[in-house]
Amino acid sequence: MTKALLFDLDGTLLHSDPLHFAVFAEMFAERGRQIDEAFYLENVHGTHNLESFPHLFPGEDAQTLSDEKEARFRDRLGAGHPPMPGAATLLDRAEAEGWNVAVVTNAPRVNAEHMLRAIGLRERFEVLVIGDECRRGKPAPDPYLTAMATLGVAPGDAIAFEDSGSGLAAARASGAYTVGIRSSADDATLRRHGAHTSVADFTDPALDPILARLNGKAMT
């Protein structure tokens, strides 16, 4: 039977939050406001621009601001950016094991393509699911369900890796075994949002028993 690993992108395949925070801090500063990382994590992290920008920047055009913010992010993310530790090795293992893989992200397609090229992993993914191109984006399960349907995999045969509250909710609701990545949140926070378990990154020894699920050796 087909098995699959499903990966969020921002904060999961690369540690992008410092770059996003820098852009938001810059945009707020230009408007005479200061934010810290706690504000970013509470009010911005994992949210969709068009939903959060009317609250963050009232009275301004959300789409225009979103386009500007994402362009600034791409400018900061140059080529040769390192992926999350262990990501390439995990993809090698997936290929050797015959597991399918997909990226499932709420990022705009232009950003997703840029990020995957920047970390040198674009050629590793034939399936790239964009939340805005689904009926509903995360936190709805639609992007993950779309990835599963495209790969021909049942929810019980998929492991999803996520780092944000909206992403964890989407993955958990899809029926995939949901693993939180502790790039910006601790284990308790990730579990509260829907993670079955969590790992520090893809080099974490705790990953091996998680992956054993795909070989019929499910762990509790």
N, C-alpha and C. Protein backbone atom coordinates (compact mmCIF):
# COMPACT_ATOMS: atom_id res chain seq x y z
N MET A 1 0.83 -1.20 0.00
CA MET A 1 0.00 0.00 0.00
C MET A 1 0.86 1.25 0.00
N THR A 2 0.33 2.31 -0.62
CA THR A 2 1.08 3.56 -0.71
C THR A 2 1.21 4.22 0.65
N LYS A 3 2.40 4.69 0.96
CA LYS A 3 2.68 5.44 2.19
C LYS A 3 3.19 6.82 1.80
N ALA A 4 3.07 7.77 2.70
CA ALA A 4 3.50 9.12 2.34
C ALA A 4 3.95 9.93 3.54
N LEU A 5 4.89 10.83 3.26
CA LEU A 5 5.31 11.87 4.20
C LEU A 5 4.85 13.20 3.62
N LEU A 6 4.14 13.97 4.41
CA LEU A 6 3.58 15.24 3.97
C LEU A 6 4.21 16.36 4.79
N PHE A 7 4.78 17.34 4.12
CA PHE A 7 5.56 18.37 4.79
C PHE A 7 4.95 19.76 4.60
N ASP A 8 4.72 20.44 5.70
CA ASP A 8 4.54 21.89 5.64
C ASP A 8 5.88 22.47 5.18
N LEU A 9 5.90 23.75 4.84
CA LEU A 9 7.13 24.35 4.31
C LEU A 9 7.72 25.36 5.29
N ASP A 10 7.07 26.49 5.49
CA ASP A 10 7.56 27.50 6.44
C ASP A 10 7.66 26.91 7.84
N GLY A 11 8.85 26.96 8.44
CA GLY A 11 9.03 26.49 9.80
C GLY A 11 9.17 24.99 9.93
N THR A 12 9.04 24.28 8.81
CA THR A 12 9.11 22.82 8.83
C THR A 12 10.24 22.31 7.96
N LEU A 13 10.24 22.67 6.69
CA LEU A 13 11.36 22.29 5.82
C LEU A 13 12.48 23.32 5.88
N LEU A 14 12.16 24.53 6.34
CA LEU A 14 13.20 25.52 6.62
C LEU A 14 12.74 26.38 7.78
N HIS A 15 13.72 26.85 8.54
CA HIS A 15 13.41 27.69 9.71
C HIS A 15 13.30 29.12 9.23
N SER A 16 12.09 29.48 8.77
CA SER A 16 11.88 30.77 8.11
C SER A 16 11.34 31.84 9.04
N ASP A 17 10.92 31.47 10.24
CA ASP A 17 10.30 32.46 11.11
C ASP A 17 11.17 33.69 11.39
N PRO A 18 12.48 33.55 11.59
CA PRO A 18 13.27 34.77 11.80
C PRO A 18 13.19 35.75 10.63
N LEU A 19 13.10 35.23 9.41
CA LEU A 19 12.98 36.09 8.24
C LEU A 19 11.61 36.77 8.19
N HIS A 20 10.55 35.99 8.45
CA HIS A 20 9.21 36.57 8.46
C HIS A 20 9.10 37.62 9.56
N PHE A 21 9.63 37.31 10.74
CA PHE A 21 9.56 38.28 11.84
C PHE A 21 10.28 39.57 11.47
N ALA A 22 11.44 39.47 10.84
CA ALA A 22 12.18 40.66 10.46
C ALA A 22 11.38 41.54 9.50
N VAL A 23 10.68 40.91 8.56
CA VAL A 23 9.87 41.68 7.61
C VAL A 23 8.71 42.36 8.32
N PHE A 24 8.03 41.62 9.18
CA PHE A 24 6.91 42.22 9.91
C PHE A 24 7.39 43.34 10.83
N ALA A 25 8.50 43.14 11.51
CA ALA A 25 9.02 44.18 12.39
C ALA A 25 9.33 45.44 11.59
N GLU A 26 9.88 45.25 10.40
CA GLU A 26 10.20 46.38 9.53
C GLU A 26 8.92 47.11 9.11
N MET A 27 7.90 46.36 8.73
CA MET A 27 6.65 46.99 8.28
C MET A 27 5.96 47.72 9.42
N PHE A 28 5.97 47.14 10.61
CA PHE A 28 5.38 47.82 11.76
C PHE A 28 6.17 49.08 12.10
N ALA A 29 7.50 48.98 12.06
CA ALA A 29 8.34 50.14 12.40
C ALA A 29 8.08 51.30 11.45
N GLU A 30 7.84 50.99 10.18
CA GLU A 30 7.53 52.04 9.20
C GLU A 30 6.23 52.76 9.52
N ARG A 31 5.41 52.13 10.35
CA ARG A 31 4.13 52.72 10.76
C ARG A 31 4.17 53.20 12.21
N GLY A 32 5.39 53.31 12.75
CA GLY A 32 5.57 53.84 14.09
C GLY A 32 5.20 52.90 15.20
N ARG A 33 5.21 51.59 14.92
CA ARG A 33 4.85 50.60 15.92
C ARG A 33 5.99 49.60 16.06
N GLN A 34 6.14 49.08 17.26
CA GLN A 34 7.19 48.11 17.53
C GLN A 34 6.54 46.78 17.93
N ILE A 35 7.08 45.68 17.45
CA ILE A 35 6.60 44.36 17.86
C ILE A 35 7.79 43.53 18.29
N ASP A 36 7.53 42.53 19.11
CA ASP A 36 8.58 41.59 19.50
C ASP A 36 8.19 40.19 19.02
N GLU A 37 9.05 39.23 19.28
CA GLU A 37 8.80 37.88 18.79
C GLU A 37 7.56 37.27 19.42
N ALA A 38 7.28 37.62 20.68
CA ALA A 38 6.09 37.11 21.33
C ALA A 38 4.83 37.57 20.60
N PHE A 39 4.81 38.83 20.18
CA PHE A 39 3.67 39.35 19.42
C PHE A 39 3.56 38.61 18.09
N TYR A 40 4.69 38.41 17.44
CA TYR A 40 4.68 37.70 16.15
C TYR A 40 4.10 36.30 16.30
N LEU A 41 4.56 35.57 17.30
CA LEU A 41 4.10 34.19 17.48
C LEU A 41 2.63 34.14 17.85
N GLU A 42 2.16 35.11 18.59
CA GLU A 42 0.76 35.11 19.05
C GLU A 42 -0.20 35.58 17.97
N ASN A 43 0.21 36.55 17.15
CA ASN A 43 -0.72 37.21 16.25
C ASN A 43 -0.47 36.98 14.77
N VAL A 44 0.70 36.47 14.42
CA VAL A 44 1.06 36.37 13.01
C VAL A 44 1.37 34.93 12.59
N HIS A 45 2.18 34.26 13.38
CA HIS A 45 2.67 32.93 13.01
C HIS A 45 1.53 31.98 12.66
N GLY A 46 1.61 31.40 11.46
CA GLY A 46 0.63 30.41 11.04
C GLY A 46 -0.67 30.97 10.51
N THR A 47 -0.81 32.30 10.47
CA THR A 47 -2.05 32.89 9.97
C THR A 47 -1.94 33.22 8.49
N HIS A 48 -3.07 33.37 7.84
CA HIS A 48 -3.10 33.75 6.43
C HIS A 48 -3.09 35.26 6.34
N ASN A 49 -2.26 35.81 5.45
CA ASN A 49 -2.13 37.26 5.35
C ASN A 49 -3.47 37.97 5.20
N LEU A 50 -4.32 37.48 4.31
CA LEU A 50 -5.56 38.19 4.01
C LEU A 50 -6.55 38.13 5.16
N GLU A 51 -6.33 37.21 6.09
CA GLU A 51 -7.17 37.15 7.28
C GLU A 51 -6.61 38.01 8.41
N SER A 52 -5.29 38.04 8.55
CA SER A 52 -4.69 38.75 9.67
C SER A 52 -4.39 40.22 9.37
N PHE A 53 -4.10 40.56 8.12
CA PHE A 53 -3.67 41.93 7.82
C PHE A 53 -4.73 43.00 8.12
N PRO A 54 -6.04 42.73 7.91
CA PRO A 54 -7.01 43.77 8.27
C PRO A 54 -6.99 44.12 9.76
N HIS A 55 -6.58 43.18 10.60
CA HIS A 55 -6.47 43.46 12.03
C HIS A 55 -5.10 44.07 12.37
N LEU A 56 -4.07 43.61 11.68
CA LEU A 56 -2.72 44.11 11.97
C LEU A 56 -2.51 45.52 11.42
N PHE A 57 -3.07 45.77 10.23
CA PHE A 57 -2.87 47.06 9.56
C PHE A 57 -4.22 47.61 9.11
N PRO A 58 -5.07 47.98 10.05
CA PRO A 58 -6.43 48.44 9.71
C PRO A 58 -6.40 49.65 8.79
N GLY A 59 -7.34 49.64 7.85
CA GLY A 59 -7.46 50.78 6.93
C GLY A 59 -6.58 50.69 5.70
N GLU A 60 -5.74 49.66 5.62
CA GLU A 60 -4.88 49.49 4.45
C GLU A 60 -5.34 48.29 3.64
N ASP A 61 -4.98 48.29 2.36
CA ASP A 61 -5.40 47.21 1.48
C ASP A 61 -4.61 45.93 1.79
N ALA A 62 -5.33 44.90 2.21
CA ALA A 62 -4.68 43.67 2.67
C ALA A 62 -3.91 42.98 1.55
N GLN A 63 -4.48 42.95 0.35
CA GLN A 63 -3.81 42.26 -0.75
C GLN A 63 -2.52 42.96 -1.14
N THR A 64 -2.56 44.28 -1.20
CA THR A 64 -1.35 45.04 -1.53
C THR A 64 -0.26 44.83 -0.49
N LEU A 65 -0.65 44.88 0.78
CA LEU A 65 0.31 44.65 1.86
C LEU A 65 0.86 43.24 1.82
N SER A 66 0.00 42.27 1.53
CA SER A 66 0.45 40.88 1.46
C SER A 66 1.48 40.70 0.35
N ASP A 67 1.20 41.27 -0.81
CA ASP A 67 2.16 41.16 -1.92
C ASP A 67 3.49 41.80 -1.55
N GLU A 68 3.43 42.96 -0.88
CA GLU A 68 4.64 43.65 -0.48
C GLU A 68 5.43 42.84 0.54
N LYS A 69 4.71 42.30 1.53
CA LYS A 69 5.37 41.53 2.58
C LYS A 69 6.07 40.31 1.99
N GLU A 70 5.38 39.58 1.10
CA GLU A 70 5.97 38.37 0.53
C GLU A 70 7.16 38.69 -0.37
N ALA A 71 7.11 39.81 -1.08
CA ALA A 71 8.24 40.21 -1.91
C ALA A 71 9.46 40.52 -1.03
N ARG A 72 9.23 41.19 0.08
CA ARG A 72 10.34 41.48 1.01
C ARG A 72 10.90 40.20 1.59
N PHE A 73 10.03 39.24 1.90
CA PHE A 73 10.51 37.95 2.41
C PHE A 73 11.39 37.25 1.39
N ARG A 74 10.95 37.23 0.14
CA ARG A 74 11.75 36.56 -0.90
C ARG A 74 13.10 37.25 -1.07
N ASP A 75 13.12 38.56 -0.94
CA ASP A 75 14.39 39.29 -1.05
C ASP A 75 15.36 38.88 0.05
N ARG A 76 14.83 38.63 1.24
CA ARG A 76 15.69 38.25 2.37
C ARG A 76 16.16 36.80 2.27
N LEU A 77 15.39 35.97 1.60
CA LEU A 77 15.73 34.55 1.49
C LEU A 77 16.54 34.34 0.22
N GLY A 78 17.84 34.38 0.36
CA GLY A 78 18.70 34.19 -0.79
C GLY A 78 18.90 32.73 -1.13
N ALA A 79 19.56 32.48 -2.23
CA ALA A 79 19.87 31.11 -2.63
C ALA A 79 20.85 30.49 -1.64
N GLY A 80 20.82 29.18 -1.52
CA GLY A 80 21.76 28.49 -0.65
C GLY A 80 21.38 28.49 0.81
N HIS A 81 20.12 28.80 1.11
CA HIS A 81 19.66 28.78 2.50
C HIS A 81 19.57 27.32 2.95
N PRO A 82 20.03 26.99 4.15
CA PRO A 82 19.99 25.59 4.58
C PRO A 82 18.57 25.13 4.90
N PRO A 83 18.22 23.90 4.52
CA PRO A 83 16.93 23.35 4.94
C PRO A 83 16.97 22.98 6.41
N MET A 84 15.84 22.60 6.94
CA MET A 84 15.78 22.12 8.31
C MET A 84 16.74 20.94 8.46
N PRO A 85 17.52 20.89 9.55
CA PRO A 85 18.48 19.78 9.72
C PRO A 85 17.80 18.42 9.55
N GLY A 86 18.43 17.59 8.74
CA GLY A 86 17.95 16.24 8.53
C GLY A 86 16.93 16.10 7.43
N ALA A 87 16.46 17.22 6.84
CA ALA A 87 15.40 17.13 5.83
C ALA A 87 15.85 16.34 4.61
N ALA A 88 17.02 16.65 4.09
CA ALA A 88 17.49 15.95 2.88
C ALA A 88 17.70 14.46 3.15
N THR A 89 18.23 14.14 4.31
CA THR A 89 18.43 12.73 4.66
C THR A 89 17.11 11.99 4.78
N LEU A 90 16.10 12.64 5.34
CA LEU A 90 14.78 12.02 5.44
C LEU A 90 14.19 11.79 4.06
N LEU A 91 14.38 12.73 3.16
CA LEU A 91 13.87 12.54 1.80
C LEU A 91 14.60 11.40 1.09
N ASP A 92 15.89 11.25 1.37
CA ASP A 92 16.64 10.11 0.83
C ASP A 92 16.04 8.80 1.34
N ARG A 93 15.72 8.78 2.62
CA ARG A 93 15.14 7.57 3.19
C ARG A 93 13.78 7.27 2.58
N ALA A 94 12.97 8.31 2.40
CA ALA A 94 11.66 8.12 1.80
C ALA A 94 11.78 7.51 0.40
N GLU A 95 12.74 7.99 -0.36
CA GLU A 95 12.95 7.44 -1.71
C GLU A 95 13.37 5.98 -1.63
N ALA A 96 14.26 5.67 -0.71
CA ALA A 96 14.73 4.28 -0.56
C ALA A 96 13.62 3.35 -0.11
N GLU A 97 12.72 3.87 0.74
CA GLU A 97 11.64 3.05 1.28
C GLU A 97 10.44 2.96 0.34
N GLY A 98 10.43 3.82 -0.69
CA GLY A 98 9.29 3.84 -1.59
C GLY A 98 8.11 4.65 -1.07
N TRP A 99 8.37 5.56 -0.12
CA TRP A 99 7.32 6.42 0.41
C TRP A 99 7.16 7.64 -0.50
N ASN A 100 5.95 8.01 -0.80
CA ASN A 100 5.71 9.23 -1.55
C ASN A 100 5.86 10.44 -0.64
N VAL A 101 6.10 11.59 -1.25
CA VAL A 101 6.27 12.81 -0.47
C VAL A 101 5.52 13.95 -1.15
N ALA A 102 5.12 14.92 -0.35
CA ALA A 102 4.47 16.12 -0.88
C ALA A 102 4.71 17.28 0.06
N VAL A 103 4.68 18.48 -0.47
CA VAL A 103 4.68 19.71 0.32
C VAL A 103 3.26 20.23 0.35
N VAL A 104 2.80 20.61 1.54
CA VAL A 104 1.44 21.12 1.73
C VAL A 104 1.56 22.43 2.49
N THR A 105 1.28 23.55 1.83
CA THR A 105 1.58 24.84 2.43
C THR A 105 0.51 25.88 2.15
N ASN A 106 0.35 26.82 3.07
CA ASN A 106 -0.51 27.97 2.85
C ASN A 106 0.25 29.12 2.20
N ALA A 107 1.53 28.96 1.97
CA ALA A 107 2.31 30.02 1.33
C ALA A 107 1.84 30.23 -0.11
N PRO A 108 1.93 31.45 -0.62
CA PRO A 108 1.62 31.66 -2.04
C PRO A 108 2.55 30.81 -2.90
N ARG A 109 2.07 30.40 -4.07
CA ARG A 109 2.88 29.51 -4.91
C ARG A 109 4.24 30.12 -5.23
N VAL A 110 4.29 31.42 -5.53
CA VAL A 110 5.57 32.03 -5.87
C VAL A 110 6.54 31.92 -4.70
N ASN A 111 6.05 32.07 -3.47
CA ASN A 111 6.91 31.92 -2.30
C ASN A 111 7.34 30.47 -2.12
N ALA A 112 6.40 29.56 -2.26
CA ALA A 112 6.71 28.15 -2.07
C ALA A 112 7.79 27.70 -3.05
N GLU A 113 7.64 28.08 -4.31
CA GLU A 113 8.65 27.72 -5.31
C GLU A 113 10.00 28.33 -4.94
N HIS A 114 9.97 29.59 -4.52
CA HIS A 114 11.21 30.28 -4.16
C HIS A 114 11.89 29.62 -2.97
N MET A 115 11.11 29.27 -1.94
CA MET A 115 11.69 28.65 -0.76
C MET A 115 12.30 27.28 -1.07
N LEU A 116 11.58 26.48 -1.83
CA LEU A 116 12.09 25.14 -2.15
C LEU A 116 13.37 25.22 -2.99
N ARG A 117 13.42 26.18 -3.90
CA ARG A 117 14.67 26.35 -4.67
C ARG A 117 15.79 26.85 -3.78
N ALA A 118 15.47 27.78 -2.86
CA ALA A 118 16.50 28.35 -1.99
C ALA A 118 17.16 27.29 -1.11
N ILE A 119 16.37 26.30 -0.68
CA ILE A 119 16.93 25.25 0.19
C ILE A 119 17.37 24.01 -0.60
N GLY A 120 17.30 24.10 -1.92
CA GLY A 120 17.82 23.03 -2.77
C GLY A 120 16.97 21.78 -2.81
N LEU A 121 15.66 21.90 -2.52
CA LEU A 121 14.82 20.71 -2.46
C LEU A 121 13.68 20.71 -3.48
N ARG A 122 13.66 21.67 -4.41
CA ARG A 122 12.52 21.73 -5.33
C ARG A 122 12.37 20.45 -6.14
N GLU A 123 13.48 19.88 -6.58
CA GLU A 123 13.40 18.69 -7.44
C GLU A 123 12.99 17.44 -6.68
N ARG A 124 12.93 17.53 -5.35
CA ARG A 124 12.56 16.36 -4.56
C ARG A 124 11.05 16.18 -4.44
N PHE A 125 10.29 17.18 -4.86
CA PHE A 125 8.83 17.14 -4.68
C PHE A 125 8.10 17.34 -6.00
N GLU A 126 7.42 16.29 -6.44
CA GLU A 126 6.56 16.43 -7.62
C GLU A 126 5.22 17.04 -7.24
N VAL A 127 4.78 16.79 -6.00
CA VAL A 127 3.48 17.28 -5.55
C VAL A 127 3.68 18.46 -4.60
N LEU A 128 3.12 19.59 -4.98
CA LEU A 128 3.17 20.81 -4.18
C LEU A 128 1.76 21.36 -4.09
N VAL A 129 1.15 21.25 -2.91
CA VAL A 129 -0.23 21.67 -2.72
C VAL A 129 -0.24 23.04 -2.04
N ILE A 130 -0.94 23.99 -2.64
CA ILE A 130 -1.03 25.36 -2.14
C ILE A 130 -2.41 25.59 -1.55
N GLY A 131 -2.47 26.06 -0.32
CA GLY A 131 -3.75 26.25 0.36
C GLY A 131 -4.71 27.13 -0.41
N ASP A 132 -4.22 28.22 -1.00
CA ASP A 132 -5.08 29.14 -1.73
C ASP A 132 -5.69 28.51 -2.97
N GLU A 133 -5.10 27.41 -3.43
CA GLU A 133 -5.59 26.75 -4.64
C GLU A 133 -6.57 25.63 -4.31
N CYS A 134 -6.82 25.42 -3.02
CA CYS A 134 -7.81 24.45 -2.56
C CYS A 134 -9.11 25.19 -2.22
N ARG A 135 -10.18 24.45 -2.01
CA ARG A 135 -11.45 25.09 -1.66
C ARG A 135 -11.30 25.88 -0.37
N ARG A 136 -10.55 25.31 0.59
CA ARG A 136 -10.24 25.99 1.84
C ARG A 136 -8.78 25.71 2.17
N GLY A 137 -8.09 26.72 2.69
CA GLY A 137 -6.72 26.51 3.15
C GLY A 137 -6.69 26.04 4.59
N LYS A 138 -5.50 25.84 5.12
CA LYS A 138 -5.36 25.52 6.53
C LYS A 138 -5.94 26.67 7.36
N PRO A 139 -6.65 26.41 8.45
CA PRO A 139 -6.67 25.18 9.26
C PRO A 139 -7.65 24.11 8.80
N ALA A 140 -8.36 24.33 7.70
CA ALA A 140 -9.20 23.27 7.16
C ALA A 140 -8.30 22.15 6.64
N PRO A 141 -8.79 20.93 6.62
CA PRO A 141 -7.96 19.80 6.18
C PRO A 141 -7.79 19.68 4.68
N ASP A 142 -8.47 20.52 3.91
CA ASP A 142 -8.50 20.36 2.45
C ASP A 142 -7.13 20.22 1.79
N PRO A 143 -6.13 21.05 2.16
CA PRO A 143 -4.83 20.89 1.49
C PRO A 143 -4.22 19.51 1.72
N TYR A 144 -4.33 18.99 2.93
CA TYR A 144 -3.79 17.66 3.20
C TYR A 144 -4.60 16.57 2.50
N LEU A 145 -5.90 16.72 2.48
CA LEU A 145 -6.73 15.75 1.77
C LEU A 145 -6.43 15.77 0.27
N THR A 146 -6.16 16.96 -0.26
CA THR A 146 -5.79 17.07 -1.68
C THR A 146 -4.48 16.34 -1.95
N ALA A 147 -3.50 16.53 -1.06
CA ALA A 147 -2.21 15.84 -1.23
C ALA A 147 -2.39 14.33 -1.19
N MET A 148 -3.19 13.85 -0.24
CA MET A 148 -3.42 12.41 -0.12
C MET A 148 -4.10 11.86 -1.37
N ALA A 149 -5.10 12.58 -1.88
CA ALA A 149 -5.80 12.13 -3.07
C ALA A 149 -4.86 12.11 -4.28
N THR A 150 -4.01 13.11 -4.38
CA THR A 150 -3.06 13.17 -5.50
C THR A 150 -2.07 12.02 -5.45
N LEU A 151 -1.63 11.68 -4.25
CA LEU A 151 -0.65 10.60 -4.07
C LEU A 151 -1.30 9.22 -4.01
N GLY A 152 -2.62 9.18 -3.86
CA GLY A 152 -3.30 7.91 -3.73
C GLY A 152 -3.02 7.21 -2.42
N VAL A 153 -2.97 7.98 -1.34
CA VAL A 153 -2.64 7.45 -0.02
C VAL A 153 -3.80 7.67 0.94
N ALA A 154 -4.07 6.70 1.80
CA ALA A 154 -5.10 6.83 2.81
C ALA A 154 -4.56 7.61 4.00
N PRO A 155 -5.41 8.32 4.73
CA PRO A 155 -4.95 9.10 5.88
C PRO A 155 -4.14 8.29 6.88
N GLY A 156 -4.53 7.05 7.11
CA GLY A 156 -3.81 6.22 8.07
C GLY A 156 -2.44 5.79 7.63
N ASP A 157 -2.12 6.06 6.36
CA ASP A 157 -0.80 5.70 5.82
C ASP A 157 0.04 6.94 5.54
N ALA A 158 -0.31 8.05 6.18
CA ALA A 158 0.42 9.30 5.96
C ALA A 158 0.88 9.90 7.28
N ILE A 159 2.08 10.46 7.27
CA ILE A 159 2.61 11.21 8.40
C ILE A 159 2.79 12.65 7.93
N ALA A 160 2.25 13.60 8.69
CA ALA A 160 2.35 15.01 8.35
C ALA A 160 3.24 15.72 9.35
N PHE A 161 4.09 16.61 8.85
CA PHE A 161 5.00 17.39 9.68
C PHE A 161 4.58 18.86 9.61
N GLU A 162 4.37 19.46 10.76
CA GLU A 162 3.85 20.83 10.84
C GLU A 162 4.47 21.58 12.01
N ASP A 163 4.39 22.91 11.98
CA ASP A 163 4.94 23.71 13.09
C ASP A 163 3.98 24.74 13.64
N SER A 164 2.89 25.03 12.92
CA SER A 164 1.98 26.10 13.36
C SER A 164 0.65 25.53 13.82
N GLY A 165 -0.08 26.34 14.58
CA GLY A 165 -1.38 25.91 15.07
C GLY A 165 -2.35 25.58 13.95
N SER A 166 -2.43 26.46 12.94
CA SER A 166 -3.37 26.22 11.84
C SER A 166 -2.97 24.99 11.04
N GLY A 167 -1.67 24.79 10.85
CA GLY A 167 -1.21 23.63 10.10
C GLY A 167 -1.44 22.33 10.85
N LEU A 168 -1.19 22.35 12.16
CA LEU A 168 -1.42 21.16 12.97
C LEU A 168 -2.89 20.79 12.97
N ALA A 169 -3.76 21.79 13.09
CA ALA A 169 -5.19 21.52 13.07
C ALA A 169 -5.61 20.90 11.74
N ALA A 170 -5.06 21.41 10.65
CA ALA A 170 -5.39 20.89 9.32
C ALA A 170 -4.93 19.45 9.17
N ALA A 171 -3.69 19.18 9.56
CA ALA A 171 -3.14 17.83 9.41
C ALA A 171 -3.90 16.84 10.27
N ARG A 172 -4.18 17.21 11.52
CA ARG A 172 -4.89 16.31 12.43
C ARG A 172 -6.29 16.02 11.90
N ALA A 173 -6.98 17.05 11.40
CA ALA A 173 -8.34 16.87 10.89
C ALA A 173 -8.37 16.01 9.63
N SER A 174 -7.26 15.95 8.91
CA SER A 174 -7.20 15.14 7.69
C SER A 174 -7.09 13.65 7.99
N GLY A 175 -6.74 13.32 9.22
CA GLY A 175 -6.55 11.93 9.60
C GLY A 175 -5.12 11.45 9.56
N ALA A 176 -4.21 12.30 9.13
CA ALA A 176 -2.80 11.92 9.10
C ALA A 176 -2.22 11.89 10.51
N TYR A 177 -1.22 11.04 10.73
CA TYR A 177 -0.49 11.08 12.00
C TYR A 177 0.32 12.37 11.97
N THR A 178 0.11 13.21 12.97
CA THR A 178 0.61 14.59 12.92
C THR A 178 1.77 14.80 13.87
N VAL A 179 2.89 15.24 13.31
CA VAL A 179 4.12 15.44 14.06
C VAL A 179 4.46 16.93 14.08
N GLY A 180 4.57 17.51 15.26
CA GLY A 180 4.95 18.90 15.39
C GLY A 180 6.46 19.07 15.33
N ILE A 181 6.90 20.13 14.67
CA ILE A 181 8.32 20.49 14.59
C ILE A 181 8.54 21.64 15.56
N ARG A 182 9.46 21.47 16.49
CA ARG A 182 9.66 22.47 17.53
C ARG A 182 10.59 23.60 17.07
N SER A 183 10.28 24.19 15.93
CA SER A 183 11.09 25.30 15.44
C SER A 183 10.73 26.62 16.11
N SER A 184 9.46 26.76 16.50
CA SER A 184 9.04 28.01 17.15
C SER A 184 8.15 27.78 18.36
N ALA A 185 7.75 26.55 18.63
CA ALA A 185 6.86 26.25 19.76
C ALA A 185 7.33 24.99 20.46
N ASP A 186 6.98 24.88 21.75
CA ASP A 186 7.40 23.70 22.51
C ASP A 186 6.41 22.54 22.33
N ASP A 187 6.75 21.40 22.90
CA ASP A 187 5.94 20.20 22.72
C ASP A 187 4.52 20.40 23.21
N ALA A 188 4.36 21.00 24.38
CA ALA A 188 3.02 21.18 24.94
C ALA A 188 2.14 22.03 24.03
N THR A 189 2.71 23.09 23.48
CA THR A 189 1.95 23.96 22.59
C THR A 189 1.56 23.23 21.31
N LEU A 190 2.51 22.49 20.74
CA LEU A 190 2.23 21.75 19.52
C LEU A 190 1.14 20.70 19.74
N ARG A 191 1.22 19.99 20.86
CA ARG A 191 0.18 18.99 21.15
C ARG A 191 -1.18 19.65 21.38
N ARG A 192 -1.18 20.80 21.98
CA ARG A 192 -2.44 21.50 22.23
C ARG A 192 -3.13 21.87 20.92
N HIS A 193 -2.34 22.11 19.90
CA HIS A 193 -2.91 22.48 18.60
C HIS A 193 -3.20 21.27 17.70
N GLY A 194 -2.85 20.07 18.15
CA GLY A 194 -3.22 18.90 17.36
C GLY A 194 -2.14 17.89 17.09
N ALA A 195 -0.89 18.16 17.45
CA ALA A 195 0.18 17.20 17.20
C ALA A 195 0.00 15.95 18.05
N HIS A 196 0.21 14.79 17.44
CA HIS A 196 0.23 13.55 18.22
C HIS A 196 1.52 13.46 19.04
N THR A 197 2.59 14.01 18.47
CA THR A 197 3.90 14.03 19.12
C THR A 197 4.72 15.14 18.48
N SER A 198 5.97 15.32 18.91
CA SER A 198 6.80 16.36 18.30
C SER A 198 8.26 15.93 18.27
N VAL A 199 9.01 16.57 17.38
CA VAL A 199 10.46 16.36 17.28
C VAL A 199 11.12 17.73 17.16
N ALA A 200 12.40 17.78 17.54
CA ALA A 200 13.13 19.05 17.43
C ALA A 200 13.34 19.43 15.97
N ASP A 201 13.77 18.46 15.19
CA ASP A 201 13.95 18.61 13.75
C ASP A 201 14.06 17.20 13.18
N PHE A 202 14.52 17.06 11.95
CA PHE A 202 14.53 15.75 11.31
C PHE A 202 15.77 14.91 11.64
N THR A 203 16.59 15.42 12.56
CA THR A 203 17.69 14.61 13.07
C THR A 203 17.35 14.01 14.44
N ASP A 204 16.20 14.34 14.98
CA ASP A 204 15.80 13.90 16.31
C ASP A 204 15.68 12.37 16.35
N PRO A 205 16.33 11.70 17.29
CA PRO A 205 16.20 10.24 17.40
C PRO A 205 14.76 9.76 17.58
N ALA A 206 13.90 10.63 18.09
CA ALA A 206 12.50 10.26 18.28
C ALA A 206 11.78 10.05 16.96
N LEU A 207 12.41 10.46 15.85
CA LEU A 207 11.76 10.31 14.55
C LEU A 207 11.68 8.85 14.11
N ASP A 208 12.66 8.04 14.45
CA ASP A 208 12.69 6.65 13.98
C ASP A 208 11.45 5.86 14.38
N PRO A 209 11.04 5.85 15.65
CA PRO A 209 9.82 5.11 15.98
C PRO A 209 8.56 5.69 15.34
N ILE A 210 8.57 6.98 15.01
CA ILE A 210 7.44 7.58 14.31
C ILE A 210 7.36 7.02 12.89
N LEU A 211 8.49 6.97 12.21
CA LEU A 211 8.52 6.47 10.84
C LEU A 211 8.20 4.98 10.77
N ALA A 212 8.43 4.27 11.88
CA ALA A 212 8.12 2.85 11.89
C ALA A 212 6.64 2.59 11.65
N ARG A 213 5.80 3.58 11.88
CA ARG A 213 4.38 3.45 11.59
C ARG A 213 4.13 3.08 10.15
N LEU A 214 4.94 3.60 9.25
CA LEU A 214 4.73 3.36 7.82
C LEU A 214 5.12 1.95 7.41
N ASN A 215 5.82 1.25 8.27
CA ASN A 215 6.18 -0.15 8.01
C ASN A 215 5.36 -1.10 8.85
N GLY A 216 4.20 -0.61 9.30
CA GLY A 216 3.30 -1.48 10.06
C GLY A 216 3.70 -1.71 11.49
N LYS A 217 4.57 -0.82 12.03
CA LYS A 217 5.01 -0.96 13.40
C LYS A 217 4.58 0.27 14.21
N ALA A 218 3.29 0.49 14.21
CA ALA A 218 2.75 1.71 14.82
C ALA A 218 3.10 1.80 16.29
N MET A 219 3.50 2.98 16.72
CA MET A 219 3.80 3.26 18.10
C MET A 219 2.67 4.07 18.69
N THR A 220 2.47 3.97 19.96
CA THR A 220 1.42 4.76 20.61
C THR A 220 1.96 6.14 20.91
